[in-house]
Amino acid sequence: RADVLCALDEPAGTSALAHRLGLAASSVSAHLSVLRGAGLLTSRRYGHQVLYERTPLGIALAASE
């Protein structure tokens, strides 16, 4: 999950993150759900996709990695 959080240096969708990290989209989606539930990410719909981005707390945590 730390890798997913750190990979979100700019808003991205599940497929883009899966490709960037070399993981299955379903795995990335599960990690994103947990991170969003913890208040580290927000999501917003952009056309047909959902983009995820870090919250201020997520930014601070990723910066400490």
PDB file of N, CA and C in Angstrom:
ATOM      1  N   ARG A   1       0.822  -1.199   0.000  1.00  0.00           N
ATOM      2  CA  ARG A   1       0.000   0.000   0.000  1.00  0.00           C
ATOM      3  C   ARG A   1       0.858   1.251   0.000  1.00  0.00           C
ATOM      4  N   ALA A   2       2.013   1.184   0.638  1.00  0.00           N
ATOM      5  CA  ALA A   2       2.911   2.339   0.638  1.00  0.00           C
ATOM      6  C   ALA A   2       3.369   2.656  -0.778  1.00  0.00           C
ATOM      7  N   ASP A   3       3.628   1.625  -1.581  1.00  0.00           N
ATOM      8  CA  ASP A   3       4.035   1.851  -2.969  1.00  0.00           C
ATOM      9  C   ASP A   3       2.925   2.522  -3.766  1.00  0.00           C
ATOM     10  N   VAL A   4       1.691   2.103  -3.538  1.00  0.00           N
ATOM     11  CA  VAL A   4       0.553   2.715  -4.230  1.00  0.00           C
ATOM     12  C   VAL A   4       0.432   4.175  -3.818  1.00  0.00           C
ATOM     13  N   LEU A   5       0.528   4.453  -2.534  1.00  0.00           N
ATOM     14  CA  LEU A   5       0.433   5.828  -2.046  1.00  0.00           C
ATOM     15  C   LEU A   5       1.540   6.695  -2.636  1.00  0.00           C
ATOM     16  N   CYS A   6       2.756   6.184  -2.648  1.00  0.00           N
ATOM     17  CA  CYS A   6       3.886   6.952  -3.175  1.00  0.00           C
ATOM     18  C   CYS A   6       3.804   7.139  -4.686  1.00  0.00           C
ATOM     19  N   ALA A   7       3.173   6.202  -5.393  1.00  0.00           N
ATOM     20  CA  ALA A   7       3.047   6.307  -6.849  1.00  0.00           C
ATOM     21  C   ALA A   7       2.053   7.386  -7.261  1.00  0.00           C
ATOM     22  N   LEU A   8       1.232   7.836  -6.342  1.00  0.00           N
ATOM     23  CA  LEU A   8       0.234   8.855  -6.657  1.00  0.00           C
ATOM     24  C   LEU A   8       0.807  10.261  -6.499  1.00  0.00           C
ATOM     25  N   ASP A   9       1.873  10.550  -7.208  1.00  0.00           N
ATOM     26  CA  ASP A   9       2.434  11.897  -7.160  1.00  0.00           C
ATOM     27  C   ASP A   9       1.587  12.873  -7.970  1.00  0.00           C
ATOM     28  N   GLU A  10       0.678  12.353  -8.781  1.00  0.00           N
ATOM     29  CA  GLU A  10      -0.314  13.147  -9.500  1.00  0.00           C
ATOM     30  C   GLU A  10      -1.580  12.294  -9.583  1.00  0.00           C
ATOM     31  N   PRO A  11      -2.750  12.908  -9.771  1.00  0.00           N
ATOM     32  CA  PRO A  11      -3.979  12.113  -9.835  1.00  0.00           C
ATOM     33  C   PRO A  11      -3.883  11.040 -10.919  1.00  0.00           C
ATOM     34  N   ALA A  12      -4.357   9.846 -10.606  1.00  0.00           N
ATOM     35  CA  ALA A  12      -4.295   8.735 -11.555  1.00  0.00           C
ATOM     36  C   ALA A  12      -5.445   7.777 -11.300  1.00  0.00           C
ATOM     37  N   GLY A  13      -5.776   7.021 -12.335  1.00  0.00           N
ATOM     38  CA  GLY A  13      -6.803   5.996 -12.241  1.00  0.00           C
ATOM     39  C   GLY A  13      -6.204   4.645 -11.898  1.00  0.00           C
ATOM     40  N   THR A  14      -7.075   3.703 -11.638  1.00  0.00           N
ATOM     41  CA  THR A  14      -6.648   2.362 -11.243  1.00  0.00           C
ATOM     42  C   THR A  14      -5.784   1.702 -12.305  1.00  0.00           C
ATOM     43  N   SER A  15      -6.189   1.773 -13.560  1.00  0.00           N
ATOM     44  CA  SER A  15      -5.436   1.117 -14.636  1.00  0.00           C
ATOM     45  C   SER A  15      -4.046   1.710 -14.797  1.00  0.00           C
ATOM     46  N   ALA A  16      -3.948   3.032 -14.734  1.00  0.00           N
ATOM     47  CA  ALA A  16      -2.645   3.686 -14.871  1.00  0.00           C
ATOM     48  C   ALA A  16      -1.717   3.291 -13.729  1.00  0.00           C
ATOM     49  N   LEU A  17      -2.247   3.250 -12.519  1.00  0.00           N
ATOM     50  CA  LEU A  17      -1.429   2.847 -11.372  1.00  0.00           C
ATOM     51  C   LEU A  17      -1.005   1.387 -11.476  1.00  0.00           C
ATOM     52  N   ALA A  18      -1.919   0.523 -11.915  1.00  0.00           N
ATOM     53  CA  ALA A  18      -1.592  -0.897 -12.063  1.00  0.00           C
ATOM     54  C   ALA A  18      -0.466  -1.071 -13.071  1.00  0.00           C
ATOM     55  N   HIS A  19      -0.540  -0.351 -14.170  1.00  0.00           N
ATOM     56  CA  HIS A  19       0.511  -0.427 -15.191  1.00  0.00           C
ATOM     57  C   HIS A  19       1.837   0.100 -14.645  1.00  0.00           C
ATOM     58  N   ARG A  20       1.789   1.224 -13.954  1.00  0.00           N
ATOM     59  CA  ARG A  20       2.995   1.843 -13.401  1.00  0.00           C
ATOM     60  C   ARG A  20       3.681   0.942 -12.373  1.00  0.00           C
ATOM     61  N   LEU A  21       2.877   0.237 -11.576  1.00  0.00           N
ATOM     62  CA  LEU A  21       3.423  -0.586 -10.495  1.00  0.00           C
ATOM     63  C   LEU A  21       3.615  -2.052 -10.879  1.00  0.00           C
ATOM     64  N   GLY A  22       3.110  -2.441 -12.043  1.00  0.00           N
ATOM     65  CA  GLY A  22       3.227  -3.831 -12.462  1.00  0.00           C
ATOM     66  C   GLY A  22       2.370  -4.779 -11.639  1.00  0.00           C
ATOM     67  N   LEU A  23       1.210  -4.290 -11.200  1.00  0.00           N
ATOM     68  CA  LEU A  23       0.286  -5.087 -10.391  1.00  0.00           C
ATOM     69  C   LEU A  23      -1.024  -5.278 -11.149  1.00  0.00           C
ATOM     70  N   ALA A  24      -1.811  -6.234 -10.710  1.00  0.00           N
ATOM     71  CA  ALA A  24      -3.145  -6.424 -11.279  1.00  0.00           C
ATOM     72  C   ALA A  24      -4.045  -5.265 -10.857  1.00  0.00           C
ATOM     73  N   ALA A  25      -4.921  -4.860 -11.761  1.00  0.00           N
ATOM     74  CA  ALA A  25      -5.832  -3.753 -11.461  1.00  0.00           C
ATOM     75  C   ALA A  25      -6.701  -4.061 -10.243  1.00  0.00           C
ATOM     76  N   SER A  26      -7.085  -5.316 -10.074  1.00  0.00           N
ATOM     77  CA  SER A  26      -7.914  -5.675  -8.916  1.00  0.00           C
ATOM     78  C   SER A  26      -7.156  -5.483  -7.604  1.00  0.00           C
ATOM     79  N   SER A  27      -5.859  -5.779  -7.601  1.00  0.00           N
ATOM     80  CA  SER A  27      -5.040  -5.571  -6.397  1.00  0.00           C
ATOM     81  C   SER A  27      -4.913  -4.090  -6.084  1.00  0.00           C
ATOM     82  N   VAL A  28      -4.650  -3.300  -7.112  1.00  0.00           N
ATOM     83  CA  VAL A  28      -4.515  -1.857  -6.922  1.00  0.00           C
ATOM     84  C   VAL A  28      -5.835  -1.278  -6.425  1.00  0.00           C
ATOM     85  N   SER A  29      -6.944  -1.729  -6.983  1.00  0.00           N
ATOM     86  CA  SER A  29      -8.255  -1.251  -6.564  1.00  0.00           C
ATOM     87  C   SER A  29      -8.505  -1.541  -5.088  1.00  0.00           C
ATOM     88  N   ALA A  30      -8.135  -2.727  -4.643  1.00  0.00           N
ATOM     89  CA  ALA A  30      -8.310  -3.077  -3.228  1.00  0.00           C
ATOM     90  C   ALA A  30      -7.455  -2.186  -2.337  1.00  0.00           C
ATOM     91  N   HIS A  31      -6.213  -1.944  -2.728  1.00  0.00           N
ATOM     92  CA  HIS A  31      -5.330  -1.073  -1.947  1.00  0.00           C
ATOM     93  C   HIS A  31      -5.869   0.358  -1.919  1.00  0.00           C
ATOM     94  N   LEU A  32      -6.372   0.842  -3.057  1.00  0.00           N
ATOM     95  CA  LEU A  32      -6.924   2.195  -3.117  1.00  0.00           C
ATOM     96  C   LEU A  32      -8.124   2.339  -2.184  1.00  0.00           C
ATOM     97  N   SER A  33      -8.953   1.324  -2.121  1.00  0.00           N
ATOM     98  CA  SER A  33     -10.122   1.371  -1.230  1.00  0.00           C
ATOM     99  C   SER A  33      -9.709   1.487   0.227  1.00  0.00           C
ATOM    100  N   VAL A  34      -8.698   0.727   0.616  1.00  0.00           N
ATOM    101  CA  VAL A  34      -8.216   0.783   2.002  1.00  0.00           C
ATOM    102  C   VAL A  34      -7.602   2.147   2.291  1.00  0.00           C
ATOM    103  N   LEU A  35      -6.789   2.652   1.376  1.00  0.00           N
ATOM    104  CA  LEU A  35      -6.143   3.955   1.568  1.00  0.00           C
ATOM    105  C   LEU A  35      -7.177   5.080   1.620  1.00  0.00           C
ATOM    106  N   ARG A  36      -8.215   4.985   0.791  1.00  0.00           N
ATOM    107  CA  ARG A  36      -9.274   5.994   0.815  1.00  0.00           C
ATOM    108  C   ARG A  36     -10.036   5.918   2.128  1.00  0.00           C
ATOM    109  N   GLY A  37     -10.313   4.714   2.594  1.00  0.00           N
ATOM    110  CA  GLY A  37     -11.001   4.530   3.872  1.00  0.00           C
ATOM    111  C   GLY A  37     -10.208   5.062   5.052  1.00  0.00           C
ATOM    112  N   ALA A  38      -8.885   5.060   4.931  1.00  0.00           N
ATOM    113  CA  ALA A  38      -8.011   5.566   5.991  1.00  0.00           C
ATOM    114  C   ALA A  38      -7.834   7.083   5.914  1.00  0.00           C
ATOM    115  N   GLY A  39      -8.444   7.713   4.907  1.00  0.00           N
ATOM    116  CA  GLY A  39      -8.343   9.166   4.777  1.00  0.00           C
ATOM    117  C   GLY A  39      -7.069   9.644   4.108  1.00  0.00           C
ATOM    118  N   LEU A  40      -6.360   8.740   3.425  1.00  0.00           N
ATOM    119  CA  LEU A  40      -5.102   9.119   2.777  1.00  0.00           C
ATOM    120  C   LEU A  40      -5.290   9.504   1.317  1.00  0.00           C
ATOM    121  N   LEU A  41      -6.444   9.146   0.742  1.00  0.00           N
ATOM    122  CA  LEU A  41      -6.748   9.449  -0.657  1.00  0.00           C
ATOM    123  C   LEU A  41      -8.160   9.981  -0.786  1.00  0.00           C
ATOM    124  N   THR A  42      -8.388  10.723  -1.847  1.00  0.00           N
ATOM    125  CA  THR A  42      -9.741  11.084  -2.257  1.00  0.00           C
ATOM    126  C   THR A  42      -9.925  10.578  -3.680  1.00  0.00           C
ATOM    127  N   SER A  43     -11.166  10.457  -4.088  1.00  0.00           N
ATOM    128  CA  SER A  43     -11.451  10.026  -5.452  1.00  0.00           C
ATOM    129  C   SER A  43     -12.465  10.974  -6.061  1.00  0.00           C
ATOM    130  N   ARG A  44     -12.356  11.127  -7.375  1.00  0.00           N
ATOM    131  CA  ARG A  44     -13.329  11.949  -8.097  1.00  0.00           C
ATOM    132  C   ARG A  44     -13.500  11.376  -9.492  1.00  0.00           C
ATOM    133  N   ARG A  45     -14.709  11.472  -9.981  1.00  0.00           N
ATOM    134  CA  ARG A  45     -15.002  10.957 -11.310  1.00  0.00           C
ATOM    135  C   ARG A  45     -14.558  11.979 -12.350  1.00  0.00           C
ATOM    136  N   TYR A  46     -13.878  11.491 -13.388  1.00  0.00           N
ATOM    137  CA  TYR A  46     -13.446  12.329 -14.503  1.00  0.00           C
ATOM    138  C   TYR A  46     -13.821  11.579 -15.773  1.00  0.00           C
ATOM    139  N   GLY A  47     -14.954  11.927 -16.358  1.00  0.00           N
ATOM    140  CA  GLY A  47     -15.445  11.180 -17.514  1.00  0.00           C
ATOM    141  C   GLY A  47     -15.847   9.784 -17.081  1.00  0.00           C
ATOM    142  N   HIS A  48     -15.271   8.784 -17.730  1.00  0.00           N
ATOM    143  CA  HIS A  48     -15.596   7.389 -17.419  1.00  0.00           C
ATOM    144  C   HIS A  48     -14.679   6.776 -16.383  1.00  0.00           C
ATOM    145  N   GLN A  49     -13.701   7.516 -15.926  1.00  0.00           N
ATOM    146  CA  GLN A  49     -12.775   6.926 -14.961  1.00  0.00           C
ATOM    147  C   GLN A  49     -12.826   7.660 -13.625  1.00  0.00           C
ATOM    148  N   VAL A  50     -12.314   6.996 -12.629  1.00  0.00           N
ATOM    149  CA  VAL A  50     -12.206   7.580 -11.294  1.00  0.00           C
ATOM    150  C   VAL A  50     -10.734   7.869 -11.047  1.00  0.00           C
ATOM    151  N   LEU A  51     -10.441   9.113 -10.714  1.00  0.00           N
ATOM    152  CA  LEU A  51      -9.064   9.505 -10.423  1.00  0.00           C
ATOM    153  C   LEU A  51      -8.872   9.591  -8.917  1.00  0.00           C
ATOM    154  N   TYR A  52      -7.748   9.108  -8.471  1.00  0.00           N
ATOM    155  CA  TYR A  52      -7.398   9.135  -7.052  1.00  0.00           C
ATOM    156  C   TYR A  52      -6.262  10.117  -6.851  1.00  0.00           C
ATOM    157  N   GLU A  53      -6.306  10.827  -5.731  1.00  0.00           N
ATOM    158  CA  GLU A  53      -5.202  11.711  -5.366  1.00  0.00           C
ATOM    159  C   GLU A  53      -5.051  11.724  -3.853  1.00  0.00           C
ATOM    160  N   ARG A  54      -3.866  12.075  -3.417  1.00  0.00           N
ATOM    161  CA  ARG A  54      -3.567  12.083  -1.982  1.00  0.00           C
ATOM    162  C   ARG A  54      -4.261  13.246  -1.281  1.00  0.00           C
ATOM    163  N   THR A  55      -4.648  13.009  -0.054  1.00  0.00           N
ATOM    164  CA  THR A  55      -5.115  14.075   0.825  1.00  0.00           C
ATOM    165  C   THR A  55      -3.871  14.715   1.450  1.00  0.00           C
ATOM    166  N   PRO A  56      -4.021  15.833   2.162  1.00  0.00           N
ATOM    167  CA  PRO A  56      -2.853  16.397   2.851  1.00  0.00           C
ATOM    168  C   PRO A  56      -2.171  15.387   3.779  1.00  0.00           C
ATOM    169  N   LEU A  57      -2.961  14.547   4.443  1.00  0.00           N
ATOM    170  CA  LEU A  57      -2.377  13.514   5.299  1.00  0.00           C
ATOM    171  C   LEU A  57      -1.601  12.495   4.462  1.00  0.00           C
ATOM    172  N   GLY A  58      -2.155  12.111   3.327  1.00  0.00           N
ATOM    173  CA  GLY A  58      -1.470  11.184   2.430  1.00  0.00           C
ATOM    174  C   GLY A  58      -0.186  11.762   1.875  1.00  0.00           C
ATOM    175  N   ILE A  59      -0.198  13.055   1.576  1.00  0.00           N
ATOM    176  CA  ILE A  59       1.010  13.732   1.083  1.00  0.00           C
ATOM    177  C   ILE A  59       2.089  13.709   2.152  1.00  0.00           C
ATOM    178  N   ALA A  60       1.710  14.031   3.385  1.00  0.00           N
ATOM    179  CA  ALA A  60       2.679  14.049   4.487  1.00  0.00           C
ATOM    180  C   ALA A  60       3.256  12.661   4.735  1.00  0.00           C
ATOM    181  N   LEU A  61       2.415  11.652   4.689  1.00  0.00           N
ATOM    182  CA  LEU A  61       2.881  10.286   4.922  1.00  0.00           C
ATOM    183  C   LEU A  61       3.799   9.816   3.799  1.00  0.00           C
ATOM    184  N   ALA A  62       3.447  10.129   2.556  1.00  0.00           N
ATOM    185  CA  ALA A  62       4.286   9.730   1.420  1.00  0.00           C
ATOM    186  C   ALA A  62       5.630  10.453   1.452  1.00  0.00           C
ATOM    187  N   ALA A  63       5.636  11.688   1.925  1.00  0.00           N
ATOM    188  CA  ALA A  63       6.885  12.453   1.995  1.00  0.00           C
ATOM    189  C   ALA A  63       7.836  11.872   3.031  1.00  0.00           C
ATOM    190  N   SER A  64       7.290  11.195   4.025  1.00  0.00           N
ATOM    191  CA  SER A  64       8.145  10.634   5.073  1.00  0.00           C
ATOM    192  C   SER A  64       8.728   9.281   4.684  1.00  0.00           C
ATOM    193  N   GLU A  65       8.277   8.702   3.572  1.00  0.00           N
ATOM    194  CA  GLU A  65       8.789   7.392   3.122  1.00  0.00           C
ATOM    195  C   GLU A  65      10.203   7.500   2.624  1.00  0.00           C
TER     196      GLU A  65
END
